[in-house]
Structure formats: structure tokens, C-alpha cells
Amino acid sequence: MTRVSFYLLPHADEAKRLIFACQLAEKASRLGNRLLVNTASHSVAQQLDRLLWDFRADSFVPHELLPAGKLTPVHIGWGEDSPQHHDLLINLGNSIPGFFSRFERVAEIVTQDSQQLAQSRERYRFYRERGYELDTVDMGKRA
């Protein structure tokens, strides 16, 4: 069954949320995972695509916007599924994508923005009521 992790960031800055998504994608791909980053829109997907190239000078995260090749470990989409991935879904969208349950893990990245907090509470309740394994990582305590 899918395991869901909520990463709670200590700020309300959306740009820092995208940087954290890049860091998480880098770590996951370095560990051999294949992943899909689901964004809220095509423009956010393009922004993340650019950011993955230069969020760190010494980093390289092989990635493509959907539709993408089978060999690329990181795919970026906006509400569409990538049938090649089963390891990790990083959800940056405003809702839970209908295809989330075929992934081994889902990462929900949450800032302190009031609207985003409310949406994440709804998503947490959705997962909990359906029996998914949940954990919360407070990134403010790790800084």
C-alpha cells in the first residue's frame, strides 16, 4: 500500500517549496528511484523544469516534462500520469491526483500558506480515512 509523507516547511514561500521539491527529486533519483512530480499547472511544471537545471551548481537531475522518455528517472507533469513510474510521486498540485495509489510513496510538500495548509489538511484526512500509512516530517525542526 502507498505510504504518504507530509513535509512541513517552516515558511510560506512557494519558491522555497519548489527548491525543496528539487532537493527531494535529486535525492530520490540519486537513490535509484523513478519519480513523477505532479504540479498544479503547465507554467509551474515549466518553472520546475528550469529550476532543476540550476537549483544547485554542482547538481544534475535528469528530467523531462511529460510526455517523456522511458529512461528519464524524473518526469514532470500537471495532472497527467506517467505509466513508467511506480516509486515516488511528489505532489505539488492543489489536489490528490487520481493515479496516486499505484506509487509506492507519495510526498506532499506543505508551506505555511493558510490556503495550502487547509488543502493539505483535507488531503491528510483523505489518506487517513482510507487507511494509508502516513508520516509527517517537520522541516523546521531539521534546519
N, C-alpha and C. Protein backbone atom coordinates (compact mmCIF):
# COMPACT_ATOMS: atom_id res chain seq x y z
N MET A 1 0.84 -1.18 0.00
CA MET A 1 0.00 0.00 0.00
C MET A 1 0.89 1.25 0.00
N THR A 2 0.43 2.28 -0.63
CA THR A 2 1.15 3.54 -0.75
C THR A 2 1.41 4.16 0.62
N ARG A 3 2.63 4.63 0.82
CA ARG A 3 3.00 5.36 2.04
C ARG A 3 3.05 6.84 1.70
N VAL A 4 2.45 7.69 2.53
CA VAL A 4 2.35 9.12 2.25
C VAL A 4 3.11 9.90 3.31
N SER A 5 4.03 10.77 2.86
CA SER A 5 4.79 11.63 3.76
C SER A 5 4.43 13.09 3.51
N PHE A 6 4.13 13.80 4.57
CA PHE A 6 3.88 15.23 4.50
C PHE A 6 5.13 15.95 5.02
N TYR A 7 5.76 16.73 4.14
CA TYR A 7 6.93 17.53 4.52
C TYR A 7 6.45 18.94 4.82
N LEU A 8 6.55 19.34 6.09
CA LEU A 8 6.07 20.65 6.52
C LEU A 8 7.23 21.63 6.51
N LEU A 9 7.16 22.61 5.62
CA LEU A 9 8.20 23.62 5.53
C LEU A 9 7.87 24.76 6.49
N PRO A 10 8.89 25.43 7.05
CA PRO A 10 8.65 26.45 8.09
C PRO A 10 8.30 27.83 7.57
N HIS A 11 7.98 27.96 6.30
CA HIS A 11 7.72 29.26 5.69
C HIS A 11 6.55 29.15 4.71
N ALA A 12 6.12 30.29 4.18
CA ALA A 12 5.00 30.31 3.22
C ALA A 12 5.48 30.60 1.80
N ASP A 13 6.76 30.53 1.57
CA ASP A 13 7.36 30.91 0.29
C ASP A 13 7.25 29.77 -0.74
N GLU A 14 6.49 30.01 -1.81
CA GLU A 14 6.29 28.99 -2.85
C GLU A 14 7.59 28.68 -3.59
N ALA A 15 8.46 29.67 -3.77
CA ALA A 15 9.74 29.44 -4.45
C ALA A 15 10.59 28.44 -3.65
N LYS A 16 10.56 28.56 -2.33
CA LYS A 16 11.32 27.63 -1.48
C LYS A 16 10.70 26.24 -1.52
N ARG A 17 9.40 26.18 -1.72
CA ARG A 17 8.72 24.88 -1.86
C ARG A 17 9.23 24.17 -3.10
N LEU A 18 9.38 24.91 -4.21
CA LEU A 18 9.88 24.31 -5.44
C LEU A 18 11.33 23.88 -5.29
N ILE A 19 12.14 24.68 -4.59
CA ILE A 19 13.54 24.29 -4.33
C ILE A 19 13.57 22.99 -3.52
N PHE A 20 12.71 22.89 -2.51
CA PHE A 20 12.66 21.66 -1.71
C PHE A 20 12.26 20.47 -2.59
N ALA A 21 11.32 20.68 -3.49
CA ALA A 21 10.92 19.60 -4.42
C ALA A 21 12.11 19.17 -5.26
N CYS A 22 12.92 20.12 -5.70
CA CYS A 22 14.14 19.80 -6.47
C CYS A 22 15.09 18.97 -5.62
N GLN A 23 15.29 19.36 -4.37
CA GLN A 23 16.19 18.62 -3.48
C GLN A 23 15.69 17.20 -3.25
N LEU A 24 14.39 17.07 -3.04
CA LEU A 24 13.79 15.75 -2.83
C LEU A 24 13.92 14.89 -4.10
N ALA A 25 13.68 15.49 -5.26
CA ALA A 25 13.82 14.77 -6.53
C ALA A 25 15.26 14.33 -6.75
N GLU A 26 16.20 15.21 -6.43
CA GLU A 26 17.61 14.87 -6.58
C GLU A 26 17.98 13.68 -5.70
N LYS A 27 17.57 13.73 -4.44
CA LYS A 27 17.90 12.64 -3.51
C LYS A 27 17.26 11.33 -3.97
N ALA A 28 15.99 11.39 -4.33
CA ALA A 28 15.29 10.17 -4.76
C ALA A 28 15.91 9.56 -6.01
N SER A 29 16.25 10.40 -7.00
CA SER A 29 16.84 9.85 -8.23
C SER A 29 18.25 9.33 -7.97
N ARG A 30 18.99 9.98 -7.07
CA ARG A 30 20.33 9.51 -6.71
C ARG A 30 20.26 8.13 -6.05
N LEU A 31 19.15 7.86 -5.34
CA LEU A 31 18.95 6.56 -4.69
C LEU A 31 18.38 5.51 -5.64
N GLY A 32 18.22 5.88 -6.91
CA GLY A 32 17.75 4.93 -7.92
C GLY A 32 16.25 4.89 -8.12
N ASN A 33 15.53 5.81 -7.50
CA ASN A 33 14.08 5.85 -7.67
C ASN A 33 13.69 6.57 -8.96
N ARG A 34 12.58 6.14 -9.51
CA ARG A 34 11.98 6.84 -10.65
C ARG A 34 10.78 7.58 -10.09
N LEU A 35 10.59 8.82 -10.53
CA LEU A 35 9.54 9.60 -9.92
C LEU A 35 8.83 10.53 -10.88
N LEU A 36 7.63 10.89 -10.45
CA LEU A 36 6.81 11.86 -11.16
C LEU A 36 6.56 13.01 -10.21
N VAL A 37 6.81 14.23 -10.69
CA VAL A 37 6.47 15.42 -9.92
C VAL A 37 5.20 15.98 -10.56
N ASN A 38 4.13 15.97 -9.79
CA ASN A 38 2.84 16.48 -10.26
C ASN A 38 2.70 17.92 -9.81
N THR A 39 2.50 18.84 -10.76
CA THR A 39 2.35 20.25 -10.44
C THR A 39 0.91 20.70 -10.69
N ALA A 40 0.61 21.92 -10.28
CA ALA A 40 -0.74 22.46 -10.41
C ALA A 40 -1.05 22.95 -11.82
N SER A 41 -0.01 23.25 -12.62
CA SER A 41 -0.26 23.81 -13.95
C SER A 41 0.96 23.61 -14.85
N HIS A 42 0.74 23.82 -16.13
CA HIS A 42 1.83 23.74 -17.10
C HIS A 42 2.90 24.77 -16.79
N SER A 43 2.52 25.98 -16.38
CA SER A 43 3.51 27.02 -16.08
C SER A 43 4.37 26.66 -14.87
N VAL A 44 3.78 26.04 -13.85
CA VAL A 44 4.57 25.60 -12.69
C VAL A 44 5.49 24.45 -13.11
N ALA A 45 5.02 23.56 -13.97
CA ALA A 45 5.86 22.47 -14.48
C ALA A 45 7.07 23.03 -15.23
N GLN A 46 6.85 24.04 -16.05
CA GLN A 46 7.96 24.67 -16.78
C GLN A 46 8.94 25.35 -15.82
N GLN A 47 8.40 26.00 -14.80
CA GLN A 47 9.26 26.65 -13.80
C GLN A 47 10.12 25.62 -13.09
N LEU A 48 9.52 24.49 -12.70
CA LEU A 48 10.27 23.43 -12.04
C LEU A 48 11.30 22.82 -12.99
N ASP A 49 10.95 22.67 -14.25
CA ASP A 49 11.87 22.16 -15.27
C ASP A 49 13.13 23.04 -15.32
N ARG A 50 12.95 24.35 -15.36
CA ARG A 50 14.11 25.28 -15.38
C ARG A 50 14.90 25.20 -14.08
N LEU A 51 14.19 25.14 -12.97
CA LEU A 51 14.82 25.13 -11.66
C LEU A 51 15.67 23.88 -11.45
N LEU A 52 15.23 22.74 -11.96
CA LEU A 52 16.01 21.51 -11.81
C LEU A 52 17.37 21.59 -12.50
N TRP A 53 17.53 22.47 -13.46
CA TRP A 53 18.81 22.65 -14.14
C TRP A 53 19.79 23.46 -13.31
N ASP A 54 19.29 24.37 -12.46
CA ASP A 54 20.24 25.27 -11.80
C ASP A 54 19.96 25.57 -10.33
N PHE A 55 19.18 24.72 -9.65
CA PHE A 55 18.92 24.99 -8.24
C PHE A 55 20.18 24.82 -7.39
N ARG A 56 21.13 24.03 -7.87
CA ARG A 56 22.45 23.89 -7.26
C ARG A 56 23.47 23.77 -8.37
N ALA A 57 24.57 24.47 -8.22
CA ALA A 57 25.60 24.49 -9.28
C ALA A 57 26.22 23.12 -9.52
N ASP A 58 26.32 22.29 -8.49
CA ASP A 58 27.00 21.00 -8.63
C ASP A 58 26.03 19.83 -8.77
N SER A 59 24.79 20.11 -9.15
CA SER A 59 23.78 19.07 -9.23
C SER A 59 23.33 18.85 -10.67
N PHE A 60 22.99 17.58 -10.96
CA PHE A 60 22.36 17.27 -12.23
C PHE A 60 21.26 16.25 -11.97
N VAL A 61 20.04 16.63 -12.28
CA VAL A 61 18.89 15.74 -12.10
C VAL A 61 18.28 15.50 -13.48
N PRO A 62 18.51 14.32 -14.08
CA PRO A 62 17.93 14.03 -15.39
C PRO A 62 16.40 14.04 -15.30
N HIS A 63 15.78 14.89 -16.11
CA HIS A 63 14.32 15.05 -16.03
C HIS A 63 13.76 15.50 -17.38
N GLU A 64 12.45 15.33 -17.52
CA GLU A 64 11.72 15.77 -18.72
C GLU A 64 10.30 16.11 -18.35
N LEU A 65 9.73 17.05 -19.09
CA LEU A 65 8.30 17.31 -18.99
C LEU A 65 7.56 16.19 -19.71
N LEU A 66 6.37 15.86 -19.25
CA LEU A 66 5.56 14.86 -19.93
C LEU A 66 5.04 15.39 -21.25
N PRO A 67 4.92 14.58 -22.26
CA PRO A 67 5.30 13.17 -22.30
C PRO A 67 6.82 13.06 -22.35
N ALA A 68 7.35 12.04 -21.72
CA ALA A 68 8.79 11.90 -21.58
C ALA A 68 9.23 10.48 -21.93
N GLY A 69 10.54 10.35 -22.12
CA GLY A 69 11.12 9.05 -22.46
C GLY A 69 11.10 8.09 -21.29
N LYS A 70 11.15 6.82 -21.59
CA LYS A 70 11.10 5.79 -20.56
C LYS A 70 12.33 5.77 -19.68
N LEU A 71 13.48 6.20 -20.18
CA LEU A 71 14.72 6.11 -19.42
C LEU A 71 14.95 7.27 -18.47
N THR A 72 14.24 8.35 -18.63
CA THR A 72 14.43 9.52 -17.77
C THR A 72 13.85 9.22 -16.39
N PRO A 73 14.68 9.37 -15.32
CA PRO A 73 14.19 8.99 -13.99
C PRO A 73 13.19 9.97 -13.37
N VAL A 74 13.18 11.22 -13.81
CA VAL A 74 12.28 12.22 -13.22
C VAL A 74 11.40 12.81 -14.32
N HIS A 75 10.10 12.64 -14.15
CA HIS A 75 9.14 13.23 -15.08
C HIS A 75 8.38 14.33 -14.34
N ILE A 76 8.02 15.38 -15.07
CA ILE A 76 7.26 16.50 -14.51
C ILE A 76 5.97 16.63 -15.30
N GLY A 77 4.85 16.63 -14.60
CA GLY A 77 3.56 16.75 -15.26
C GLY A 77 2.64 17.68 -14.49
N TRP A 78 1.48 17.87 -15.02
CA TRP A 78 0.47 18.73 -14.37
C TRP A 78 -0.89 18.07 -14.50
N GLY A 79 -1.10 17.04 -13.67
CA GLY A 79 -2.36 16.34 -13.64
C GLY A 79 -2.44 15.14 -14.56
N GLU A 80 -1.35 14.81 -15.22
CA GLU A 80 -1.36 13.65 -16.11
C GLU A 80 -0.42 12.57 -15.57
N ASP A 81 -0.74 11.36 -15.85
CA ASP A 81 0.01 10.22 -15.34
C ASP A 81 1.18 9.88 -16.25
N SER A 82 2.19 9.27 -15.67
CA SER A 82 3.33 8.75 -16.40
C SER A 82 3.42 7.26 -16.11
N PRO A 83 3.01 6.42 -17.05
CA PRO A 83 2.87 5.00 -16.75
C PRO A 83 4.17 4.27 -16.42
N GLN A 84 5.31 4.88 -16.63
CA GLN A 84 6.57 4.19 -16.36
C GLN A 84 6.97 4.22 -14.88
N HIS A 85 6.39 5.07 -14.08
CA HIS A 85 6.84 5.25 -12.71
C HIS A 85 5.96 4.55 -11.69
N HIS A 86 6.63 3.97 -10.69
CA HIS A 86 5.91 3.34 -9.60
C HIS A 86 6.57 3.61 -8.26
N ASP A 87 7.66 4.37 -8.23
CA ASP A 87 8.39 4.57 -6.99
C ASP A 87 7.83 5.74 -6.17
N LEU A 88 7.97 6.95 -6.67
CA LEU A 88 7.64 8.13 -5.88
C LEU A 88 6.85 9.14 -6.70
N LEU A 89 5.81 9.66 -6.08
CA LEU A 89 5.04 10.77 -6.64
C LEU A 89 5.24 11.96 -5.71
N ILE A 90 5.80 13.06 -6.21
CA ILE A 90 5.89 14.30 -5.45
C ILE A 90 4.70 15.14 -5.91
N ASN A 91 3.78 15.38 -5.00
CA ASN A 91 2.56 16.10 -5.37
C ASN A 91 2.66 17.57 -4.99
N LEU A 92 2.79 18.43 -6.00
CA LEU A 92 2.77 19.88 -5.81
C LEU A 92 1.45 20.45 -6.31
N GLY A 93 0.52 19.60 -6.68
CA GLY A 93 -0.78 20.04 -7.16
C GLY A 93 -1.67 20.50 -6.02
N ASN A 94 -2.83 21.03 -6.38
CA ASN A 94 -3.78 21.52 -5.38
C ASN A 94 -4.70 20.43 -4.84
N SER A 95 -4.66 19.26 -5.46
CA SER A 95 -5.50 18.15 -5.03
C SER A 95 -4.72 16.85 -5.19
N ILE A 96 -5.33 15.77 -4.77
CA ILE A 96 -4.71 14.46 -4.89
C ILE A 96 -5.00 13.92 -6.29
N PRO A 97 -3.96 13.60 -7.07
CA PRO A 97 -4.22 13.04 -8.40
C PRO A 97 -4.83 11.64 -8.29
N GLY A 98 -5.74 11.33 -9.18
CA GLY A 98 -6.45 10.06 -9.16
C GLY A 98 -5.57 8.84 -9.29
N PHE A 99 -4.36 9.00 -9.77
CA PHE A 99 -3.46 7.88 -10.01
C PHE A 99 -2.44 7.67 -8.89
N PHE A 100 -2.57 8.37 -7.76
CA PHE A 100 -1.56 8.35 -6.70
C PHE A 100 -1.31 6.96 -6.12
N SER A 101 -2.34 6.11 -6.08
CA SER A 101 -2.24 4.85 -5.33
C SER A 101 -1.37 3.79 -6.00
N ARG A 102 -0.96 3.99 -7.22
CA ARG A 102 -0.08 2.99 -7.82
C ARG A 102 1.40 3.25 -7.52
N PHE A 103 1.68 4.37 -6.83
CA PHE A 103 3.05 4.68 -6.42
C PHE A 103 3.33 4.07 -5.06
N GLU A 104 4.57 3.66 -4.84
CA GLU A 104 4.97 3.13 -3.54
C GLU A 104 4.92 4.22 -2.48
N ARG A 105 5.32 5.44 -2.88
CA ARG A 105 5.36 6.56 -1.93
C ARG A 105 4.79 7.80 -2.59
N VAL A 106 4.18 8.64 -1.75
CA VAL A 106 3.72 9.97 -2.16
C VAL A 106 4.32 10.97 -1.19
N ALA A 107 4.88 12.05 -1.74
CA ALA A 107 5.41 13.14 -0.91
C ALA A 107 4.55 14.38 -1.15
N GLU A 108 3.97 14.88 -0.07
CA GLU A 108 3.19 16.11 -0.10
C GLU A 108 4.05 17.18 0.57
N ILE A 109 4.34 18.26 -0.15
CA ILE A 109 5.19 19.33 0.38
C ILE A 109 4.30 20.52 0.72
N VAL A 110 4.33 20.92 1.99
CA VAL A 110 3.38 21.90 2.51
C VAL A 110 4.12 23.11 3.08
N THR A 111 3.73 24.31 2.64
CA THR A 111 4.26 25.54 3.24
C THR A 111 3.28 26.03 4.30
N GLN A 112 3.60 27.14 4.93
CA GLN A 112 2.75 27.72 5.97
C GLN A 112 1.71 28.69 5.41
N ASP A 113 1.53 28.70 4.10
CA ASP A 113 0.47 29.49 3.48
C ASP A 113 -0.88 28.95 3.97
N SER A 114 -1.78 29.84 4.40
CA SER A 114 -3.04 29.39 5.02
C SER A 114 -3.89 28.55 4.07
N GLN A 115 -3.97 28.92 2.80
CA GLN A 115 -4.76 28.13 1.84
C GLN A 115 -4.13 26.76 1.62
N GLN A 116 -2.81 26.72 1.52
CA GLN A 116 -2.13 25.45 1.30
C GLN A 116 -2.25 24.54 2.53
N LEU A 117 -2.20 25.14 3.73
CA LEU A 117 -2.38 24.35 4.95
C LEU A 117 -3.77 23.72 4.98
N ALA A 118 -4.78 24.49 4.61
CA ALA A 118 -6.15 23.97 4.61
C ALA A 118 -6.28 22.82 3.60
N GLN A 119 -5.71 22.98 2.41
CA GLN A 119 -5.76 21.92 1.40
C GLN A 119 -5.02 20.67 1.87
N SER A 120 -3.88 20.87 2.52
CA SER A 120 -3.10 19.71 2.98
C SER A 120 -3.82 18.97 4.10
N ARG A 121 -4.54 19.70 4.95
CA ARG A 121 -5.33 19.03 6.00
C ARG A 121 -6.41 18.16 5.38
N GLU A 122 -7.04 18.64 4.31
CA GLU A 122 -8.05 17.83 3.61
C GLU A 122 -7.41 16.59 2.99
N ARG A 123 -6.24 16.76 2.39
CA ARG A 123 -5.55 15.61 1.79
C ARG A 123 -5.15 14.61 2.87
N TYR A 124 -4.63 15.10 4.00
CA TYR A 124 -4.25 14.23 5.10
C TYR A 124 -5.45 13.41 5.57
N ARG A 125 -6.59 14.07 5.76
CA ARG A 125 -7.82 13.41 6.19
C ARG A 125 -8.24 12.34 5.16
N PHE A 126 -8.16 12.67 3.87
CA PHE A 126 -8.49 11.73 2.80
C PHE A 126 -7.65 10.46 2.92
N TYR A 127 -6.33 10.63 3.02
CA TYR A 127 -5.44 9.47 3.11
C TYR A 127 -5.71 8.68 4.39
N ARG A 128 -5.85 9.35 5.52
CA ARG A 128 -6.06 8.68 6.81
C ARG A 128 -7.35 7.88 6.81
N GLU A 129 -8.43 8.46 6.29
CA GLU A 129 -9.73 7.77 6.28
C GLU A 129 -9.71 6.52 5.41
N ARG A 130 -8.79 6.45 4.48
CA ARG A 130 -8.70 5.29 3.59
C ARG A 130 -7.62 4.30 4.03
N GLY A 131 -6.99 4.57 5.16
CA GLY A 131 -6.06 3.62 5.74
C GLY A 131 -4.63 3.67 5.22
N TYR A 132 -4.24 4.72 4.54
CA TYR A 132 -2.87 4.82 4.04
C TYR A 132 -1.92 5.12 5.19
N GLU A 133 -0.70 4.56 5.10
CA GLU A 133 0.33 4.81 6.10
C GLU A 133 0.81 6.25 5.93
N LEU A 134 0.76 7.03 7.02
CA LEU A 134 1.11 8.44 6.98
C LEU A 134 2.27 8.76 7.91
N ASP A 135 3.09 9.70 7.49
CA ASP A 135 4.06 10.27 8.41
C ASP A 135 4.26 11.74 8.08
N THR A 136 4.67 12.48 9.08
CA THR A 136 4.86 13.93 8.94
C THR A 136 6.30 14.25 9.30
N VAL A 137 6.95 15.05 8.45
CA VAL A 137 8.32 15.46 8.67
C VAL A 137 8.34 16.98 8.79
N ASP A 138 8.64 17.47 9.98
CA ASP A 138 8.70 18.91 10.24
C ASP A 138 10.08 19.42 9.85
N MET A 139 10.19 20.05 8.70
CA MET A 139 11.50 20.50 8.21
C MET A 139 12.03 21.70 9.00
N GLY A 140 11.15 22.40 9.73
CA GLY A 140 11.59 23.50 10.59
C GLY A 140 12.43 23.01 11.75
N LYS A 141 12.17 21.80 12.21
CA LYS A 141 12.94 21.21 13.31
C LYS A 141 14.25 20.59 12.84
N ARG A 142 14.37 20.41 11.53
CA ARG A 142 15.59 19.81 10.97
C ARG A 142 16.59 20.85 10.52
N ALA A 143 16.19 22.11 10.47
CA ALA A 143 17.06 23.17 9.96
C ALA A 143 18.16 23.54 10.93
